[in-house]
Each structure stands twice: as structure tokens, then as C-alpha cells.
Amino acid sequence: MPLYEYELCEGSCKPCGGRFTLRRPLSATELTKCPACKRPVRRVISSFSSPMKLKPLSFSDAKKAGFTVMKRTDSGAYEKQ
């Protein structure tokens, strides 16, 4: 389930601090009121985390992971390495 950030449209409140984050399913209806103070809220576009860029997979790493590594020969056929 994704995390959504919300902020109050106007004013502030002590329970939510004017800004809060909720984990909601994609199928849930859009949130229009703060669950704590019942004032109108809007969703804030926030940053996201992505996986770190990893090094390319080498032949030896692929073999260790259980993959079959094939090499193309001059005739266009492939053979196991």
C-alpha cells in the first residue's frame, strides 16, 4: 500500500499538526477530511524512494545465481559457457 501525504487546506490543529501521512490502498476513495479534526485536506505530491542503482550482472554472478549463460558463436548458434 502506498503512503499518501496530506495537509490542511486552511488553519492548523494540534492532533495532526496540519500535515500527516497515511498508508491507504489504491482502491480507497480520496480522503477529503482530516481523520483527527475533520477539516478539509488536500493531498501533497511528495518524493518517492527508488532502488539504488546496482552494478551490472557479470557472467560469474549469473552462473552463481543459477542462470545458464550462453555465448553466440560465429555461425550464429549459441552454446553454453
PDB file of N, CA and C in Angstrom:
ATOM      1  N   MET A   1       0.846  -1.175   0.000  1.00  0.00           N
ATOM      2  CA  MET A   1       0.000   0.000   0.000  1.00  0.00           C
ATOM      3  C   MET A   1       0.894   1.241   0.000  1.00  0.00           C
ATOM      4  N   PRO A   2       0.555   2.197  -0.821  1.00  0.00           N
ATOM      5  CA  PRO A   2       1.371   3.415  -0.878  1.00  0.00           C
ATOM      6  C   PRO A   2       1.099   4.347   0.301  1.00  0.00           C
ATOM      7  N   LEU A   3       2.063   5.211   0.553  1.00  0.00           N
ATOM      8  CA  LEU A   3       1.918   6.250   1.576  1.00  0.00           C
ATOM      9  C   LEU A   3       1.470   7.536   0.899  1.00  0.00           C
ATOM     10  N   TYR A   4       0.495   8.195   1.474  1.00  0.00           N
ATOM     11  CA  TYR A   4      -0.006   9.464   0.950  1.00  0.00           C
ATOM     12  C   TYR A   4       0.185  10.543   2.012  1.00  0.00           C
ATOM     13  N   GLU A   5       0.657  11.702   1.589  1.00  0.00           N
ATOM     14  CA  GLU A   5       0.817  12.834   2.496  1.00  0.00           C
ATOM     15  C   GLU A   5      -0.322  13.813   2.265  1.00  0.00           C
ATOM     16  N   TYR A   6      -0.850  14.346   3.359  1.00  0.00           N
ATOM     17  CA  TYR A   6      -1.959  15.300   3.295  1.00  0.00           C
ATOM     18  C   TYR A   6      -1.614  16.524   4.124  1.00  0.00           C
ATOM     19  N   GLU A   7      -2.219  17.650   3.772  1.00  0.00           N
ATOM     20  CA  GLU A   7      -2.102  18.858   4.578  1.00  0.00           C
ATOM     21  C   GLU A   7      -3.466  19.530   4.628  1.00  0.00           C
ATOM     22  N   LEU A   8      -3.684  20.295   5.697  1.00  0.00           N
ATOM     23  CA  LEU A   8      -4.944  21.006   5.827  1.00  0.00           C
ATOM     24  C   LEU A   8      -5.019  22.112   4.787  1.00  0.00           C
ATOM     25  N   CYS A   9      -6.206  22.340   4.248  1.00  0.00           N
ATOM     26  CA  CYS A   9      -6.383  23.410   3.264  1.00  0.00           C
ATOM     27  C   CYS A   9      -6.221  24.776   3.917  1.00  0.00           C
ATOM     28  N   GLU A  10      -6.663  24.898   5.156  1.00  0.00           N
ATOM     29  CA  GLU A  10      -6.508  26.163   5.885  1.00  0.00           C
ATOM     30  C   GLU A  10      -6.464  25.891   7.377  1.00  0.00           C
ATOM     31  N   GLY A  11      -5.731  26.724   8.087  1.00  0.00           N
ATOM     32  CA  GLY A  11      -5.634  26.586   9.541  1.00  0.00           C
ATOM     33  C   GLY A  11      -4.680  25.476   9.944  1.00  0.00           C
ATOM     34  N   SER A  12      -4.739  25.121  11.216  1.00  0.00           N
ATOM     35  CA  SER A  12      -3.923  24.037  11.747  1.00  0.00           C
ATOM     36  C   SER A  12      -4.641  23.412  12.935  1.00  0.00           C
ATOM     37  N   CYS A  13      -4.191  22.258  13.336  1.00  0.00           N
ATOM     38  CA  CYS A  13      -4.778  21.615  14.518  1.00  0.00           C
ATOM     39  C   CYS A  13      -3.664  20.898  15.267  1.00  0.00           C
ATOM     40  N   LYS A  14      -3.852  20.700  16.562  1.00  0.00           N
ATOM     41  CA  LYS A  14      -2.829  20.062  17.385  1.00  0.00           C
ATOM     42  C   LYS A  14      -2.706  18.560  17.120  1.00  0.00           C
ATOM     43  N   PRO A  15      -3.812  17.814  16.950  1.00  0.00           N
ATOM     44  CA  PRO A  15      -3.653  16.361  16.758  1.00  0.00           C
ATOM     45  C   PRO A  15      -2.841  15.982  15.520  1.00  0.00           C
ATOM     46  N   CYS A  16      -3.083  16.641  14.397  1.00  0.00           N
ATOM     47  CA  CYS A  16      -2.377  16.247  13.172  1.00  0.00           C
ATOM     48  C   CYS A  16      -1.231  17.191  12.828  1.00  0.00           C
ATOM     49  N   GLY A  17      -1.149  18.336  13.452  1.00  0.00           N
ATOM     50  CA  GLY A  17      -0.080  19.277  13.174  1.00  0.00           C
ATOM     51  C   GLY A  17      -0.203  19.979  11.835  1.00  0.00           C
ATOM     52  N   GLY A  18      -1.340  19.842  11.174  1.00  0.00           N
ATOM     53  CA  GLY A  18      -1.551  20.484   9.879  1.00  0.00           C
ATOM     54  C   GLY A  18      -1.060  19.659   8.701  1.00  0.00           C
ATOM     55  N   ARG A  19      -0.299  18.599   8.980  1.00  0.00           N
ATOM     56  CA  ARG A  19       0.226  17.740   7.913  1.00  0.00           C
ATOM     57  C   ARG A  19       0.379  16.330   8.474  1.00  0.00           C
ATOM     58  N   PHE A  20      -0.022  15.319   7.702  1.00  0.00           N
ATOM     59  CA  PHE A  20       0.080  13.944   8.176  1.00  0.00           C
ATOM     60  C   PHE A  20       0.244  12.993   7.002  1.00  0.00           C
ATOM     61  N   THR A  21       0.665  11.770   7.298  1.00  0.00           N
ATOM     62  CA  THR A  21       0.892  10.731   6.294  1.00  0.00           C
ATOM     63  C   THR A  21       0.038   9.523   6.642  1.00  0.00           C
ATOM     64  N   LEU A  22      -0.609   8.948   5.621  1.00  0.00           N
ATOM     65  CA  LEU A  22      -1.432   7.761   5.815  1.00  0.00           C
ATOM     66  C   LEU A  22      -1.062   6.697   4.800  1.00  0.00           C
ATOM     67  N   ARG A  23      -1.142   5.448   5.207  1.00  0.00           N
ATOM     68  CA  ARG A  23      -0.984   4.319   4.291  1.00  0.00           C
ATOM     69  C   ARG A  23      -2.387   3.893   3.875  1.00  0.00           C
ATOM     70  N   ARG A  24      -2.663   4.013   2.572  1.00  0.00           N
ATOM     71  CA  ARG A  24      -4.008   3.712   2.073  1.00  0.00           C
ATOM     72  C   ARG A  24      -3.921   2.841   0.834  1.00  0.00           C
ATOM     73  N   PRO A  25      -4.873   1.913   0.638  1.00  0.00           N
ATOM     74  CA  PRO A  25      -4.866   1.103  -0.575  1.00  0.00           C
ATOM     75  C   PRO A  25      -5.227   1.954  -1.798  1.00  0.00           C
ATOM     76  N   LEU A  26      -4.798   1.509  -2.965  1.00  0.00           N
ATOM     77  CA  LEU A  26      -5.092   2.238  -4.199  1.00  0.00           C
ATOM     78  C   LEU A  26      -6.593   2.312  -4.466  1.00  0.00           C
ATOM     79  N   SER A  27      -7.328   1.317  -4.012  1.00  0.00           N
ATOM     80  CA  SER A  27      -8.766   1.270  -4.273  1.00  0.00           C
ATOM     81  C   SER A  27      -9.586   2.168  -3.337  1.00  0.00           C
ATOM     82  N   ALA A  28      -8.969   2.769  -2.326  1.00  0.00           N
ATOM     83  CA  ALA A  28      -9.681   3.614  -1.361  1.00  0.00           C
ATOM     84  C   ALA A  28     -10.127   4.914  -2.019  1.00  0.00           C
ATOM     85  N   THR A  29     -11.242   5.432  -1.558  1.00  0.00           N
ATOM     86  CA  THR A  29     -11.734   6.712  -2.070  1.00  0.00           C
ATOM     87  C   THR A  29     -10.819   7.834  -1.596  1.00  0.00           C
ATOM     88  N   GLU A  30     -10.834   8.936  -2.313  1.00  0.00           N
ATOM     89  CA  GLU A  30      -9.966  10.061  -1.986  1.00  0.00           C
ATOM     90  C   GLU A  30     -10.351  10.648  -0.624  1.00  0.00           C
ATOM     91  N   LEU A  31      -9.346  10.929   0.184  1.00  0.00           N
ATOM     92  CA  LEU A  31      -9.578  11.495   1.511  1.00  0.00           C
ATOM     93  C   LEU A  31      -9.830  12.995   1.371  1.00  0.00           C
ATOM     94  N   THR A  32     -10.915  13.483   1.941  1.00  0.00           N
ATOM     95  CA  THR A  32     -11.249  14.903   1.836  1.00  0.00           C
ATOM     96  C   THR A  32     -11.226  15.614   3.179  1.00  0.00           C
ATOM     97  N   LYS A  33     -11.275  14.848   4.296  1.00  0.00           N
ATOM     98  CA  LYS A  33     -11.276  15.449   5.631  1.00  0.00           C
ATOM     99  C   LYS A  33     -10.250  14.767   6.515  1.00  0.00           C
ATOM    100  N   CYS A  34      -9.643  15.551   7.382  1.00  0.00           N
ATOM    101  CA  CYS A  34      -8.670  15.030   8.335  1.00  0.00           C
ATOM    102  C   CYS A  34      -9.369  14.061   9.282  1.00  0.00           C
ATOM    103  N   PRO A  35      -8.794  12.872   9.515  1.00  0.00           N
ATOM    104  CA  PRO A  35      -9.429  11.919  10.435  1.00  0.00           C
ATOM    105  C   PRO A  35      -9.469  12.426  11.879  1.00  0.00           C
ATOM    106  N   ALA A  36      -8.553  13.326  12.251  1.00  0.00           N
ATOM    107  CA  ALA A  36      -8.493  13.814  13.634  1.00  0.00           C
ATOM    108  C   ALA A  36      -9.404  15.014  13.868  1.00  0.00           C
ATOM    109  N   CYS A  37      -9.319  16.047  12.988  1.00  0.00           N
ATOM    110  CA  CYS A  37     -10.054  17.283  13.262  1.00  0.00           C
ATOM    111  C   CYS A  37     -11.217  17.528  12.297  1.00  0.00           C
ATOM    112  N   LYS A  38     -11.376  16.685  11.297  1.00  0.00           N
ATOM    113  CA  LYS A  38     -12.482  16.746  10.328  1.00  0.00           C
ATOM    114  C   LYS A  38     -12.469  17.996   9.442  1.00  0.00           C
ATOM    115  N   ARG A  39     -11.324  18.690   9.354  1.00  0.00           N
ATOM    116  CA  ARG A  39     -11.211  19.844   8.462  1.00  0.00           C
ATOM    117  C   ARG A  39     -10.826  19.362   7.059  1.00  0.00           C
ATOM    118  N   PRO A  40     -11.103  20.175   6.021  1.00  0.00           N
ATOM    119  CA  PRO A  40     -10.757  19.770   4.649  1.00  0.00           C
ATOM    120  C   PRO A  40      -9.242  19.642   4.458  1.00  0.00           C
ATOM    121  N   VAL A  41      -8.839  18.611   3.719  1.00  0.00           N
ATOM    122  CA  VAL A  41      -7.417  18.378   3.434  1.00  0.00           C
ATOM    123  C   VAL A  41      -7.207  18.227   1.932  1.00  0.00           C
ATOM    124  N   ARG A  42      -5.948  18.369   1.516  1.00  0.00           N
ATOM    125  CA  ARG A  42      -5.573  18.103   0.121  1.00  0.00           C
ATOM    126  C   ARG A  42      -4.338  17.213   0.146  1.00  0.00           C
ATOM    127  N   ARG A  43      -4.225  16.395  -0.898  1.00  0.00           N
ATOM    128  CA  ARG A  43      -3.078  15.501  -0.988  1.00  0.00           C
ATOM    129  C   ARG A  43      -1.873  16.265  -1.511  1.00  0.00           C
ATOM    130  N   VAL A  44      -0.712  16.009  -0.922  1.00  0.00           N
ATOM    131  CA  VAL A  44       0.529  16.683  -1.283  1.00  0.00           C
ATOM    132  C   VAL A  44       1.355  15.721  -2.138  1.00  0.00           C
ATOM    133  N   ILE A  45       1.889  16.222  -3.247  1.00  0.00           N
ATOM    134  CA  ILE A  45       2.785  15.411  -4.057  1.00  0.00           C
ATOM    135  C   ILE A  45       4.140  15.389  -3.360  1.00  0.00           C
ATOM    136  N   SER A  46       4.599  14.200  -3.033  1.00  0.00           N
ATOM    137  CA  SER A  46       5.849  14.081  -2.276  1.00  0.00           C
ATOM    138  C   SER A  46       6.868  13.276  -3.063  1.00  0.00           C
ATOM    139  N   SER A  47       8.059  13.213  -2.530  1.00  0.00           N
ATOM    140  CA  SER A  47       9.120  12.450  -3.186  1.00  0.00           C
ATOM    141  C   SER A  47       8.875  10.956  -2.994  1.00  0.00           C
ATOM    142  N   PHE A  48       9.582  10.159  -3.742  1.00  0.00           N
ATOM    143  CA  PHE A  48       9.452   8.722  -3.629  1.00  0.00           C
ATOM    144  C   PHE A  48      10.844   8.112  -3.539  1.00  0.00           C
ATOM    145  N   SER A  49      10.901   6.899  -3.061  1.00  0.00           N
ATOM    146  CA  SER A  49      12.193   6.227  -2.983  1.00  0.00           C
ATOM    147  C   SER A  49      12.267   5.195  -4.092  1.00  0.00           C
ATOM    148  N   SER A  50      13.410   5.114  -4.706  1.00  0.00           N
ATOM    149  CA  SER A  50      13.633   4.121  -5.758  1.00  0.00           C
ATOM    150  C   SER A  50      14.841   3.278  -5.369  1.00  0.00           C
ATOM    151  N   PRO A  51      14.907   2.071  -5.907  1.00  0.00           N
ATOM    152  CA  PRO A  51      16.051   1.234  -5.556  1.00  0.00           C
ATOM    153  C   PRO A  51      17.361   1.869  -6.002  1.00  0.00           C
ATOM    154  N   MET A  52      18.399   1.608  -5.252  1.00  0.00           N
ATOM    155  CA  MET A  52      19.705   2.139  -5.626  1.00  0.00           C
ATOM    156  C   MET A  52      20.166   1.493  -6.922  1.00  0.00           C
ATOM    157  N   LYS A  53      20.920   2.229  -7.694  1.00  0.00           N
ATOM    158  CA  LYS A  53      21.442   1.685  -8.941  1.00  0.00           C
ATOM    159  C   LYS A  53      22.484   0.627  -8.603  1.00  0.00           C
ATOM    160  N   LEU A  54      22.295  -0.552  -9.158  1.00  0.00           N
ATOM    161  CA  LEU A  54      23.198  -1.656  -8.873  1.00  0.00           C
ATOM    162  C   LEU A  54      24.177  -1.853 -10.009  1.00  0.00           C
ATOM    163  N   LYS A  55      25.251  -2.554  -9.728  1.00  0.00           N
ATOM    164  CA  LYS A  55      26.236  -2.839 -10.764  1.00  0.00           C
ATOM    165  C   LYS A  55      25.653  -3.844 -11.756  1.00  0.00           C
ATOM    166  N   PRO A  56      26.118  -3.837 -12.991  1.00  0.00           N
ATOM    167  CA  PRO A  56      25.627  -4.813 -13.978  1.00  0.00           C
ATOM    168  C   PRO A  56      25.969  -6.236 -13.547  1.00  0.00           C
ATOM    169  N   LEU A  57      25.149  -7.167 -13.924  1.00  0.00           N
ATOM    170  CA  LEU A  57      25.338  -8.567 -13.573  1.00  0.00           C
ATOM    171  C   LEU A  57      26.432  -9.166 -14.446  1.00  0.00           C
ATOM    172  N   SER A  58      27.434  -9.768 -13.843  1.00  0.00           N
ATOM    173  CA  SER A  58      28.520 -10.387 -14.606  1.00  0.00           C
ATOM    174  C   SER A  58      28.176 -11.845 -14.897  1.00  0.00           C
ATOM    175  N   PHE A  59      28.962 -12.470 -15.787  1.00  0.00           N
ATOM    176  CA  PHE A  59      28.729 -13.868 -16.126  1.00  0.00           C
ATOM    177  C   PHE A  59      28.876 -14.762 -14.904  1.00  0.00           C
ATOM    178  N   SER A  60      29.904 -14.511 -14.100  1.00  0.00           N
ATOM    179  CA  SER A  60      30.115 -15.351 -12.917  1.00  0.00           C
ATOM    180  C   SER A  60      28.974 -15.169 -11.910  1.00  0.00           C
ATOM    181  N   ASP A  61      28.456 -13.933 -11.757  1.00  0.00           N
ATOM    182  CA  ASP A  61      27.325 -13.697 -10.856  1.00  0.00           C
ATOM    183  C   ASP A  61      26.075 -14.408 -11.354  1.00  0.00           C
ATOM    184  N   ALA A  62      25.862 -14.386 -12.675  1.00  0.00           N
ATOM    185  CA  ALA A  62      24.702 -15.060 -13.257  1.00  0.00           C
ATOM    186  C   ALA A  62      24.783 -16.559 -13.035  1.00  0.00           C
ATOM    187  N   LYS A  63      25.981 -17.139 -13.220  1.00  0.00           N
ATOM    188  CA  LYS A  63      26.155 -18.581 -13.002  1.00  0.00           C
ATOM    189  C   LYS A  63      25.907 -18.939 -11.534  1.00  0.00           C
ATOM    190  N   LYS A  64      26.408 -18.113 -10.616  1.00  0.00           N
ATOM    191  CA  LYS A  64      26.211 -18.363  -9.184  1.00  0.00           C
ATOM    192  C   LYS A  64      24.727 -18.296  -8.812  1.00  0.00           C
ATOM    193  N   ALA A  65      23.976 -17.443  -9.520  1.00  0.00           N
ATOM    194  CA  ALA A  65      22.548 -17.297  -9.238  1.00  0.00           C
ATOM    195  C   ALA A  65      21.721 -18.410  -9.868  1.00  0.00           C
ATOM    196  N   GLY A  66      22.360 -19.275 -10.662  1.00  0.00           N
ATOM    197  CA  GLY A  66      21.642 -20.411 -11.231  1.00  0.00           C
ATOM    198  C   GLY A  66      21.192 -20.219 -12.669  1.00  0.00           C
ATOM    199  N   PHE A  67      21.597 -19.141 -13.321  1.00  0.00           N
ATOM    200  CA  PHE A  67      21.232 -18.916 -14.707  1.00  0.00           C
ATOM    201  C   PHE A  67      22.184 -19.664 -15.631  1.00  0.00           C
ATOM    202  N   THR A  68      21.677 -20.044 -16.804  1.00  0.00           N
ATOM    203  CA  THR A  68      22.516 -20.644 -17.828  1.00  0.00           C
ATOM    204  C   THR A  68      23.032 -19.531 -18.725  1.00  0.00           C
ATOM    205  N   VAL A  69      24.336 -19.428 -18.838  1.00  0.00           N
ATOM    206  CA  VAL A  69      24.948 -18.381 -19.650  1.00  0.00           C
ATOM    207  C   VAL A  69      25.265 -18.957 -21.018  1.00  0.00           C
ATOM    208  N   MET A  70      24.785 -18.303 -22.071  1.00  0.00           N
ATOM    209  CA  MET A  70      25.000 -18.753 -23.447  1.00  0.00           C
ATOM    210  C   MET A  70      25.888 -17.745 -24.165  1.00  0.00           C
ATOM    211  N   LYS A  71      26.713 -18.257 -25.089  1.00  0.00           N
ATOM    212  CA  LYS A  71      27.588 -17.406 -25.872  1.00  0.00           C
ATOM    213  C   LYS A  71      27.310 -17.655 -27.346  1.00  0.00           C
ATOM    214  N   ARG A  72      27.249 -16.582 -28.119  1.00  0.00           N
ATOM    215  CA  ARG A  72      26.976 -16.706 -29.544  1.00  0.00           C
ATOM    216  C   ARG A  72      28.271 -17.031 -30.287  1.00  0.00           C
ATOM    217  N   THR A  73      28.214 -18.028 -31.142  1.00  0.00           N
ATOM    218  CA  THR A  73      29.374 -18.412 -31.937  1.00  0.00           C
ATOM    219  C   THR A  73      29.346 -17.673 -33.275  1.00  0.00           C
ATOM    220  N   ASP A  74      30.402 -17.832 -34.063  1.00  0.00           N
ATOM    221  CA  ASP A  74      30.490 -17.157 -35.358  1.00  0.00           C
ATOM    222  C   ASP A  74      29.397 -17.591 -36.324  1.00  0.00           C
ATOM    223  N   SER A  75      28.919 -18.818 -36.185  1.00  0.00           N
ATOM    224  CA  SER A  75      27.894 -19.311 -37.098  1.00  0.00           C
ATOM    225  C   SER A  75      26.500 -18.839 -36.741  1.00  0.00           C
ATOM    226  N   GLY A  76      26.368 -18.135 -35.634  1.00  0.00           N
ATOM    227  CA  GLY A  76      25.058 -17.611 -35.216  1.00  0.00           C
ATOM    228  C   GLY A  76      24.360 -18.491 -34.204  1.00  0.00           C
ATOM    229  N   ALA A  77      24.911 -19.654 -33.915  1.00  0.00           N
ATOM    230  CA  ALA A  77      24.324 -20.551 -32.923  1.00  0.00           C
ATOM    231  C   ALA A  77      24.809 -20.153 -31.533  1.00  0.00           C
ATOM    232  N   TYR A  78      24.124 -20.655 -30.513  1.00  0.00           N
ATOM    233  CA  TYR A  78      24.506 -20.368 -29.134  1.00  0.00           C
ATOM    234  C   TYR A  78      24.969 -21.646 -28.467  1.00  0.00           C
ATOM    235  N   GLU A  79      25.959 -21.518 -27.613  1.00  0.00           N
ATOM    236  CA  GLU A  79      26.440 -22.673 -26.859  1.00  0.00           C
ATOM    237  C   GLU A  79      26.627 -22.250 -25.403  1.00  0.00           C
ATOM    238  N   LYS A  80      26.528 -23.236 -24.506  1.00  0.00           N
ATOM    239  CA  LYS A  80      26.717 -22.971 -23.078  1.00  0.00           C
ATOM    240  C   LYS A  80      28.149 -22.553 -22.817  1.00  0.00           C
ATOM    241  N   GLN A  81      28.341 -21.692 -21.871  1.00  0.00           N
ATOM    242  CA  GLN A  81      29.682 -21.285 -21.459  1.00  0.00           C
ATOM    243  C   GLN A  81      30.101 -22.074 -20.260  1.00  0.00           C
TER     244      GLN A  81
END
